[in-house]
Amino acid sequence: PDDAGEARGTLALENVPVGSGKRALALHFRALAPGRVA
């Protein structure tokens, strides 16, 4: 996750299964708003 001021603390990452034996990267975002991004 980016640690810049507008993005700090907005994101957690998790490797998750997505079917057919494949996996992907889940971007769990929280408290987004104008001026706050993940």
PDB file of all heavy atoms in Angstrom:
ATOM      1  N   PRO A   1       0.830  -1.215   0.000  1.00  0.00           N
ATOM      2  CA  PRO A   1       0.000   0.000   0.000  1.00  0.00           C
ATOM      3  C   PRO A   1       0.861   1.261   0.000  1.00  0.00           C
ATOM      4  O   PRO A   1       1.919   1.321   0.628  1.00  0.00           O
ATOM      5  CB  PRO A   1      -0.807  -0.136   1.294  1.00  0.00           C
ATOM      6  CG  PRO A   1      -0.820  -1.600   1.602  1.00  0.00           C
ATOM      7  CD  PRO A   1       0.522  -2.102   1.136  1.00  0.00           C
ATOM      8  N   ASP A   2       0.389   2.264  -0.719  1.00  0.00           N
ATOM      9  CA  ASP A   2       1.055   3.565  -0.748  1.00  0.00           C
ATOM     10  C   ASP A   2       0.894   4.245   0.603  1.00  0.00           C
ATOM     11  O   ASP A   2      -0.180   4.214   1.222  1.00  0.00           O
ATOM     12  CB  ASP A   2       0.439   4.419  -1.855  1.00  0.00           C
ATOM     13  CG  ASP A   2       1.159   5.742  -2.037  1.00  0.00           C
ATOM     14  OD1 ASP A   2       2.302   5.871  -1.561  1.00  0.00           O
ATOM     15  OD2 ASP A   2       0.571   6.650  -2.661  1.00  0.00           O
ATOM     16  N   ASP A   3       1.983   4.903   1.058  1.00  0.00           N
ATOM     17  CA  ASP A   3       1.963   5.565   2.355  1.00  0.00           C
ATOM     18  C   ASP A   3       1.852   7.087   2.224  1.00  0.00           C
ATOM     19  O   ASP A   3       2.039   7.810   3.189  1.00  0.00           O
ATOM     20  CB  ASP A   3       3.231   5.196   3.143  1.00  0.00           C
ATOM     21  CG  ASP A   3       3.127   5.549   4.615  1.00  0.00           C
ATOM     22  OD1 ASP A   3       2.064   5.262   5.206  1.00  0.00           O
ATOM     23  OD2 ASP A   3       4.090   6.116   5.163  1.00  0.00           O
ATOM     24  N   ALA A   4       1.549   7.583   1.018  1.00  0.00           N
ATOM     25  CA  ALA A   4       1.364   9.033   0.859  1.00  0.00           C
ATOM     26  C   ALA A   4       0.163   9.494   1.679  1.00  0.00           C
ATOM     27  O   ALA A   4      -0.745   8.717   1.992  1.00  0.00           O
ATOM     28  CB  ALA A   4       1.157   9.369  -0.613  1.00  0.00           C
ATOM     29  N   GLY A   5       0.144  10.774   2.016  1.00  0.00           N
ATOM     30  CA  GLY A   5      -0.858  11.300   2.927  1.00  0.00           C
ATOM     31  C   GLY A   5      -2.287  11.012   2.518  1.00  0.00           C
ATOM     32  O   GLY A   5      -3.124  10.633   3.348  1.00  0.00           O
ATOM     33  N   GLU A   6      -2.595  11.148   1.223  1.00  0.00           N
ATOM     34  CA  GLU A   6      -3.978  10.957   0.790  1.00  0.00           C
ATOM     35  C   GLU A   6      -4.380   9.484   0.727  1.00  0.00           C
ATOM     36  O   GLU A   6      -5.556   9.157   0.555  1.00  0.00           O
ATOM     37  CB  GLU A   6      -4.200  11.601  -0.588  1.00  0.00           C
ATOM     38  CG  GLU A   6      -3.505  10.900  -1.746  1.00  0.00           C
ATOM     39  CD  GLU A   6      -2.053  11.307  -1.928  1.00  0.00           C
ATOM     40  OE1 GLU A   6      -1.501  11.954  -1.015  1.00  0.00           O
ATOM     41  OE2 GLU A   6      -1.483  10.999  -2.990  1.00  0.00           O
ATOM     42  N   ALA A   7      -3.382   8.559   0.877  1.00  0.00           N
ATOM     43  CA  ALA A   7      -3.683   7.128   0.769  1.00  0.00           C
ATOM     44  C   ALA A   7      -3.344   6.356   2.038  1.00  0.00           C
ATOM     45  O   ALA A   7      -3.699   5.182   2.147  1.00  0.00           O
ATOM     46  CB  ALA A   7      -2.914   6.532  -0.412  1.00  0.00           C
ATOM     47  N   ARG A   8      -2.692   6.975   2.985  1.00  0.00           N
ATOM     48  CA  ARG A   8      -2.201   6.258   4.171  1.00  0.00           C
ATOM     49  C   ARG A   8      -3.361   5.649   4.955  1.00  0.00           C
ATOM     50  O   ARG A   8      -4.338   6.310   5.275  1.00  0.00           O
ATOM     51  CB  ARG A   8      -1.390   7.189   5.049  1.00  0.00           C
ATOM     52  CG  ARG A   8      -0.740   6.518   6.259  1.00  0.00           C
ATOM     53  CD  ARG A   8       0.148   7.493   6.991  1.00  0.00           C
ATOM     54  NE  ARG A   8       1.200   8.000   6.112  1.00  0.00           N
ATOM     55  CZ  ARG A   8       1.626   9.253   6.105  1.00  0.00           C
ATOM     56  NH1 ARG A   8       1.062  10.144   6.921  1.00  0.00           N
ATOM     57  NH2 ARG A   8       2.586   9.628   5.289  1.00  0.00           N
ATOM     58  N   GLY A   9      -3.233   4.363   5.254  1.00  0.00           N
ATOM     59  CA  GLY A   9      -4.201   3.690   6.109  1.00  0.00           C
ATOM     60  C   GLY A   9      -5.505   3.306   5.454  1.00  0.00           C
ATOM     61  O   GLY A   9      -6.432   2.863   6.129  1.00  0.00           O
ATOM     62  N   THR A  10      -5.592   3.430   4.123  1.00  0.00           N
ATOM     63  CA  THR A  10      -6.865   3.136   3.453  1.00  0.00           C
ATOM     64  C   THR A  10      -6.922   1.746   2.844  1.00  0.00           C
ATOM     65  O   THR A  10      -7.952   1.372   2.277  1.00  0.00           O
ATOM     66  CB  THR A  10      -7.128   4.149   2.324  1.00  0.00           C
ATOM     67  OG1 THR A  10      -6.081   4.034   1.341  1.00  0.00           O
ATOM     68  CG2 THR A  10      -7.177   5.575   2.853  1.00  0.00           C
ATOM     69  N   LEU A  11      -5.851   0.950   2.938  1.00  0.00           N
ATOM     70  CA  LEU A  11      -5.792  -0.268   2.136  1.00  0.00           C
ATOM     71  C   LEU A  11      -5.127  -1.411   2.887  1.00  0.00           C
ATOM     72  O   LEU A  11      -4.122  -1.221   3.578  1.00  0.00           O
ATOM     73  CB  LEU A  11      -5.012   0.003   0.837  1.00  0.00           C
ATOM     74  CG  LEU A  11      -5.049  -1.071  -0.248  1.00  0.00           C
ATOM     75  CD1 LEU A  11      -6.471  -1.292  -0.735  1.00  0.00           C
ATOM     76  CD2 LEU A  11      -4.151  -0.665  -1.406  1.00  0.00           C
ATOM     77  N   ALA A  12      -5.690  -2.619   2.742  1.00  0.00           N
ATOM     78  CA  ALA A  12      -5.066  -3.865   3.194  1.00  0.00           C
ATOM     79  C   ALA A  12      -5.129  -4.851   2.039  1.00  0.00           C
ATOM     80  O   ALA A  12      -6.096  -4.872   1.264  1.00  0.00           O
ATOM     81  CB  ALA A  12      -5.790  -4.426   4.415  1.00  0.00           C
ATOM     82  N   LEU A  13      -4.086  -5.685   1.900  1.00  0.00           N
ATOM     83  CA  LEU A  13      -3.985  -6.617   0.785  1.00  0.00           C
ATOM     84  C   LEU A  13      -4.166  -8.044   1.264  1.00  0.00           C
ATOM     85  O   LEU A  13      -3.754  -8.404   2.369  1.00  0.00           O
ATOM     86  CB  LEU A  13      -2.619  -6.485   0.096  1.00  0.00           C
ATOM     87  CG  LEU A  13      -2.227  -5.085  -0.387  1.00  0.00           C
ATOM     88  CD1 LEU A  13      -0.862  -5.124  -1.041  1.00  0.00           C
ATOM     89  CD2 LEU A  13      -3.261  -4.547  -1.350  1.00  0.00           C
ATOM     90  N   GLU A  14      -4.757  -8.882   0.385  1.00  0.00           N
ATOM     91  CA  GLU A  14      -4.941 -10.292   0.716  1.00  0.00           C
ATOM     92  C   GLU A  14      -4.944 -11.117  -0.568  1.00  0.00           C
ATOM     93  O   GLU A  14      -5.624 -10.766  -1.538  1.00  0.00           O
ATOM     94  CB  GLU A  14      -6.252 -10.500   1.463  1.00  0.00           C
ATOM     95  CG  GLU A  14      -6.487 -11.944   1.894  1.00  0.00           C
ATOM     96  CD  GLU A  14      -7.848 -12.150   2.523  1.00  0.00           C
ATOM     97  OE1 GLU A  14      -8.690 -11.225   2.457  1.00  0.00           O
ATOM     98  OE2 GLU A  14      -8.067 -13.247   3.080  1.00  0.00           O
ATOM     99  N   ASN A  15      -4.185 -12.204  -0.572  1.00  0.00           N
ATOM    100  CA  ASN A  15      -4.215 -13.136  -1.690  1.00  0.00           C
ATOM    101  C   ASN A  15      -5.427 -14.055  -1.512  1.00  0.00           C
ATOM    102  O   ASN A  15      -5.588 -14.681  -0.460  1.00  0.00           O
ATOM    103  CB  ASN A  15      -2.921 -13.947  -1.720  1.00  0.00           C
ATOM    104  CG  ASN A  15      -2.855 -14.898  -2.899  1.00  0.00           C
ATOM    105  OD1 ASN A  15      -3.503 -15.927  -2.914  1.00  0.00           O
ATOM    106  ND2 ASN A  15      -2.028 -14.551  -3.876  1.00  0.00           N
ATOM    107  N   VAL A  16      -6.286 -14.128  -2.528  1.00  0.00           N
ATOM    108  CA  VAL A  16      -7.541 -14.873  -2.396  1.00  0.00           C
ATOM    109  C   VAL A  16      -7.729 -15.796  -3.589  1.00  0.00           C
ATOM    110  O   VAL A  16      -7.279 -15.502  -4.709  1.00  0.00           O
ATOM    111  CB  VAL A  16      -8.754 -13.916  -2.294  1.00  0.00           C
ATOM    112  CG1 VAL A  16      -8.676 -13.076  -1.033  1.00  0.00           C
ATOM    113  CG2 VAL A  16      -8.858 -13.020  -3.530  1.00  0.00           C
ATOM    114  N   PRO A  17      -8.405 -16.948  -3.396  1.00  0.00           N
ATOM    115  CA  PRO A  17      -8.754 -17.805  -4.535  1.00  0.00           C
ATOM    116  C   PRO A  17      -9.886 -17.179  -5.337  1.00  0.00           C
ATOM    117  O   PRO A  17     -10.781 -16.534  -4.786  1.00  0.00           O
ATOM    118  CB  PRO A  17      -9.201 -19.111  -3.864  1.00  0.00           C
ATOM    119  CG  PRO A  17      -9.650 -18.706  -2.501  1.00  0.00           C
ATOM    120  CD  PRO A  17      -8.820 -17.528  -2.103  1.00  0.00           C
ATOM    121  N   VAL A  18      -9.856 -17.371  -6.655  1.00  0.00           N
ATOM    122  CA  VAL A  18     -10.897 -16.799  -7.521  1.00  0.00           C
ATOM    123  C   VAL A  18     -11.493 -17.859  -8.442  1.00  0.00           C
ATOM    124  O   VAL A  18     -12.028 -17.537  -9.492  1.00  0.00           O
ATOM    125  CB  VAL A  18     -10.349 -15.604  -8.349  1.00  0.00           C
ATOM    126  CG1 VAL A  18     -10.094 -14.414  -7.462  1.00  0.00           C
ATOM    127  CG2 VAL A  18      -9.103 -15.991  -9.120  1.00  0.00           C
ATOM    128  N   GLY A  19     -11.405 -19.123  -8.047  1.00  0.00           N
ATOM    129  CA  GLY A  19     -12.013 -20.184  -8.829  1.00  0.00           C
ATOM    130  C   GLY A  19     -11.069 -20.775  -9.849  1.00  0.00           C
ATOM    131  O   GLY A  19     -10.103 -20.141 -10.281  1.00  0.00           O
ATOM    132  N   SER A  20     -11.363 -22.033 -10.229  1.00  0.00           N
ATOM    133  CA  SER A  20     -10.585 -22.767 -11.239  1.00  0.00           C
ATOM    134  C   SER A  20      -9.109 -22.844 -10.882  1.00  0.00           C
ATOM    135  O   SER A  20      -8.240 -22.826 -11.755  1.00  0.00           O
ATOM    136  CB  SER A  20     -10.745 -22.119 -12.621  1.00  0.00           C
ATOM    137  OG  SER A  20     -12.103 -22.040 -12.980  1.00  0.00           O
ATOM    138  N   GLY A  21      -8.802 -22.896  -9.588  1.00  0.00           N
ATOM    139  CA  GLY A  21      -7.423 -23.026  -9.146  1.00  0.00           C
ATOM    140  C   GLY A  21      -6.603 -21.761  -9.261  1.00  0.00           C
ATOM    141  O   GLY A  21      -5.398 -21.777  -9.010  1.00  0.00           O
ATOM    142  N   LYS A  22      -7.227 -20.643  -9.617  1.00  0.00           N
ATOM    143  CA  LYS A  22      -6.497 -19.393  -9.757  1.00  0.00           C
ATOM    144  C   LYS A  22      -6.592 -18.578  -8.477  1.00  0.00           C
ATOM    145  O   LYS A  22      -7.447 -18.797  -7.622  1.00  0.00           O
ATOM    146  CB  LYS A  22      -7.044 -18.590 -10.939  1.00  0.00           C
ATOM    147  CG  LYS A  22      -6.815 -19.253 -12.282  1.00  0.00           C
ATOM    148  CD  LYS A  22      -7.269 -18.354 -13.421  1.00  0.00           C
ATOM    149  CE  LYS A  22      -6.967 -18.992 -14.769  1.00  0.00           C
ATOM    150  NZ  LYS A  22      -7.383 -18.118 -15.899  1.00  0.00           N
ATOM    151  N   ARG A  23      -5.688 -17.612  -8.365  1.00  0.00           N
ATOM    152  CA  ARG A  23      -5.674 -16.729  -7.212  1.00  0.00           C
ATOM    153  C   ARG A  23      -5.552 -15.287  -7.709  1.00  0.00           C
ATOM    154  O   ARG A  23      -5.191 -15.041  -8.869  1.00  0.00           O
ATOM    155  CB  ARG A  23      -4.523 -17.084  -6.266  1.00  0.00           C
ATOM    156  CG  ARG A  23      -4.496 -18.560  -5.857  1.00  0.00           C
ATOM    157  CD  ARG A  23      -3.479 -18.820  -4.767  1.00  0.00           C
ATOM    158  NE  ARG A  23      -3.912 -18.273  -3.492  1.00  0.00           N
ATOM    159  CZ  ARG A  23      -4.704 -18.914  -2.646  1.00  0.00           C
ATOM    160  NH1 ARG A  23      -5.154 -20.124  -2.910  1.00  0.00           N
ATOM    161  NH2 ARG A  23      -5.045 -18.351  -1.496  1.00  0.00           N
ATOM    162  N   ALA A  24      -5.826 -14.333  -6.841  1.00  0.00           N
ATOM    163  CA  ALA A  24      -5.764 -12.917  -7.210  1.00  0.00           C
ATOM    164  C   ALA A  24      -5.456 -12.106  -5.961  1.00  0.00           C
ATOM    165  O   ALA A  24      -5.389 -12.635  -4.849  1.00  0.00           O
ATOM    166  CB  ALA A  24      -7.078 -12.469  -7.841  1.00  0.00           C
ATOM    167  N   LEU A  25      -5.251 -10.808  -6.162  1.00  0.00           N
ATOM    168  CA  LEU A  25      -4.911  -9.919  -5.057  1.00  0.00           C
ATOM    169  C   LEU A  25      -6.127  -9.063  -4.708  1.00  0.00           C
ATOM    170  O   LEU A  25      -6.581  -8.240  -5.515  1.00  0.00           O
ATOM    171  CB  LEU A  25      -3.736  -9.019  -5.437  1.00  0.00           C
ATOM    172  CG  LEU A  25      -3.163  -8.150  -4.314  1.00  0.00           C
ATOM    173  CD1 LEU A  25      -2.554  -9.018  -3.209  1.00  0.00           C
ATOM    174  CD2 LEU A  25      -2.118  -7.179  -4.856  1.00  0.00           C
ATOM    175  N   ALA A  26      -6.676  -9.253  -3.510  1.00  0.00           N
ATOM    176  CA  ALA A  26      -7.809  -8.455  -3.042  1.00  0.00           C
ATOM    177  C   ALA A  26      -7.306  -7.166  -2.418  1.00  0.00           C
ATOM    178  O   ALA A  26      -6.399  -7.179  -1.575  1.00  0.00           O
ATOM    179  CB  ALA A  26      -8.633  -9.243  -2.030  1.00  0.00           C
ATOM    180  N   LEU A  27      -7.880  -6.045  -2.836  1.00  0.00           N
ATOM    181  CA  LEU A  27      -7.565  -4.734  -2.284  1.00  0.00           C
ATOM    182  C   LEU A  27      -8.738  -4.312  -1.400  1.00  0.00           C
ATOM    183  O   LEU A  27      -9.781  -3.876  -1.901  1.00  0.00           O
ATOM    184  CB  LEU A  27      -7.340  -3.715  -3.403  1.00  0.00           C
ATOM    185  CG  LEU A  27      -5.998  -3.687  -4.133  1.00  0.00           C
ATOM    186  CD1 LEU A  27      -5.661  -5.023  -4.767  1.00  0.00           C
ATOM    187  CD2 LEU A  27      -5.971  -2.591  -5.186  1.00  0.00           C
ATOM    188  N   HIS A  28      -8.590  -4.512  -0.101  1.00  0.00           N
ATOM    189  CA  HIS A  28      -9.645  -4.136   0.849  1.00  0.00           C
ATOM    190  C   HIS A  28      -9.467  -2.660   1.202  1.00  0.00           C
ATOM    191  O   HIS A  28      -8.519  -2.299   1.916  1.00  0.00           O
ATOM    192  CB  HIS A  28      -9.560  -4.990   2.110  1.00  0.00           C
ATOM    193  CG  HIS A  28      -9.630  -6.476   1.862  1.00  0.00           C
ATOM    194  ND1 HIS A  28     -10.708  -7.083   1.266  1.00  0.00           N
ATOM    195  CD2 HIS A  28      -8.735  -7.473   2.140  1.00  0.00           C
ATOM    196  CE1 HIS A  28     -10.503  -8.387   1.195  1.00  0.00           C
ATOM    197  NE2 HIS A  28      -9.318  -8.658   1.709  1.00  0.00           N
ATOM    198  N   PHE A  29     -10.353  -1.813   0.713  1.00  0.00           N
ATOM    199  CA  PHE A  29     -10.222  -0.371   0.971  1.00  0.00           C
ATOM    200  C   PHE A  29     -11.254   0.059   2.004  1.00  0.00           C
ATOM    201  O   PHE A  29     -12.306  -0.556   2.159  1.00  0.00           O
ATOM    202  CB  PHE A  29     -10.369   0.431  -0.323  1.00  0.00           C
ATOM    203  CG  PHE A  29     -11.666   0.250  -1.031  1.00  0.00           C
ATOM    204  CD1 PHE A  29     -12.787   1.012  -0.708  1.00  0.00           C
ATOM    205  CD2 PHE A  29     -11.791  -0.687  -2.054  1.00  0.00           C
ATOM    206  CE1 PHE A  29     -13.987   0.860  -1.370  1.00  0.00           C
ATOM    207  CE2 PHE A  29     -12.996  -0.851  -2.728  1.00  0.00           C
ATOM    208  CZ  PHE A  29     -14.095  -0.083  -2.372  1.00  0.00           C
ATOM    209  N   ARG A  30     -10.906   1.134   2.702  1.00  0.00           N
ATOM    210  CA  ARG A  30     -11.843   1.646   3.702  1.00  0.00           C
ATOM    211  C   ARG A  30     -11.752   3.165   3.767  1.00  0.00           C
ATOM    212  O   ARG A  30     -10.718   3.765   3.501  1.00  0.00           O
ATOM    213  CB  ARG A  30     -11.560   1.058   5.088  1.00  0.00           C
ATOM    214  CG  ARG A  30     -10.244   1.471   5.708  1.00  0.00           C
ATOM    215  CD  ARG A  30     -10.051   0.815   7.071  1.00  0.00           C
ATOM    216  NE  ARG A  30      -8.852   1.330   7.741  1.00  0.00           N
ATOM    217  CZ  ARG A  30      -8.835   2.394   8.518  1.00  0.00           C
ATOM    218  NH1 ARG A  30      -9.942   3.082   8.721  1.00  0.00           N
ATOM    219  NH2 ARG A  30      -7.708   2.789   9.096  1.00  0.00           N
ATOM    220  N   ALA A  31     -12.873   3.762   4.097  1.00  0.00           N
ATOM    221  CA  ALA A  31     -12.974   5.204   4.331  1.00  0.00           C
ATOM    222  C   ALA A  31     -12.469   6.033   3.155  1.00  0.00           C
ATOM    223  O   ALA A  31     -11.807   7.054   3.338  1.00  0.00           O
ATOM    224  CB  ALA A  31     -12.224   5.580   5.612  1.00  0.00           C
ATOM    225  N   LEU A  32     -12.787   5.593   1.929  1.00  0.00           N
ATOM    226  CA  LEU A  32     -12.494   6.444   0.774  1.00  0.00           C
ATOM    227  C   LEU A  32     -13.482   7.605   0.749  1.00  0.00           C
ATOM    228  O   LEU A  32     -14.616   7.498   1.212  1.00  0.00           O
ATOM    229  CB  LEU A  32     -12.602   5.651  -0.527  1.00  0.00           C
ATOM    230  CG  LEU A  32     -11.659   4.473  -0.735  1.00  0.00           C
ATOM    231  CD1 LEU A  32     -11.742   3.986  -2.180  1.00  0.00           C
ATOM    232  CD2 LEU A  32     -10.231   4.821  -0.368  1.00  0.00           C
ATOM    233  N   ALA A  33     -13.040   8.700   0.187  1.00  0.00           N
ATOM    234  CA  ALA A  33     -13.863   9.902   0.078  1.00  0.00           C
ATOM    235  C   ALA A  33     -13.149  10.845  -0.880  1.00  0.00           C
ATOM    236  O   ALA A  33     -11.988  10.593  -1.252  1.00  0.00           O
ATOM    237  CB  ALA A  33     -14.048  10.557   1.454  1.00  0.00           C
ATOM    238  N   PRO A  34     -13.793  11.906  -1.330  1.00  0.00           N
ATOM    239  CA  PRO A  34     -13.059  12.877  -2.146  1.00  0.00           C
ATOM    240  C   PRO A  34     -11.789  13.341  -1.432  1.00  0.00           C
ATOM    241  O   PRO A  34     -11.831  13.787  -0.282  1.00  0.00           O
ATOM    242  CB  PRO A  34     -14.077  14.024  -2.312  1.00  0.00           C
ATOM    243  CG  PRO A  34     -15.395  13.330  -2.233  1.00  0.00           C
ATOM    244  CD  PRO A  34     -15.225  12.250  -1.207  1.00  0.00           C
ATOM    245  N   GLY A  35     -10.641  13.176  -2.089  1.00  0.00           N
ATOM    246  CA  GLY A  35      -9.364  13.513  -1.468  1.00  0.00           C
ATOM    247  C   GLY A  35      -8.703  12.359  -0.736  1.00  0.00           C
ATOM    248  O   GLY A  35      -7.557  12.484  -0.299  1.00  0.00           O
ATOM    249  N   ARG A  36      -9.398  11.234  -0.580  1.00  0.00           N
ATOM    250  CA  ARG A  36      -8.828  10.047   0.068  1.00  0.00           C
ATOM    251  C   ARG A  36      -8.961   8.874  -0.892  1.00  0.00           C
ATOM    252  O   ARG A  36     -10.062   8.501  -1.302  1.00  0.00           O
ATOM    253  CB  ARG A  36      -9.564   9.739   1.374  1.00  0.00           C
ATOM    254  CG  ARG A  36      -9.266  10.707   2.481  1.00  0.00           C
ATOM    255  CD  ARG A  36      -7.885  10.475   3.090  1.00  0.00           C
ATOM    256  NE  ARG A  36      -7.876   9.288   3.950  1.00  0.00           N
ATOM    257  CZ  ARG A  36      -6.763   8.742   4.427  1.00  0.00           C
ATOM    258  NH1 ARG A  36      -5.588   9.235   4.107  1.00  0.00           N
ATOM    259  NH2 ARG A  36      -6.844   7.697   5.220  1.00  0.00           N
ATOM    260  N   VAL A  37      -7.830   8.281  -1.281  1.00  0.00           N
ATOM    261  CA  VAL A  37      -7.813   7.194  -2.258  1.00  0.00           C
ATOM    262  C   VAL A  37      -7.097   5.988  -1.659  1.00  0.00           C
ATOM    263  O   VAL A  37      -6.381   6.101  -0.652  1.00  0.00           O
ATOM    264  CB  VAL A  37      -7.105   7.626  -3.558  1.00  0.00           C
ATOM    265  CG1 VAL A  37      -7.804   8.824  -4.184  1.00  0.00           C
ATOM    266  CG2 VAL A  37      -5.620   7.932  -3.305  1.00  0.00           C
ATOM    267  N   ALA A  38      -7.272   4.843  -2.282  1.00  0.00           N
ATOM    268  CA  ALA A  38      -6.482   3.649  -1.969  1.00  0.00           C
ATOM    269  C   ALA A  38      -5.543   3.409  -3.140  1.00  0.00           C
ATOM    270  O   ALA A  38      -5.971   3.437  -4.300  1.00  0.00           O
ATOM    271  CB  ALA A  38      -7.398   2.450  -1.743  1.00  0.00           C
TER     272      ALA A  38
END
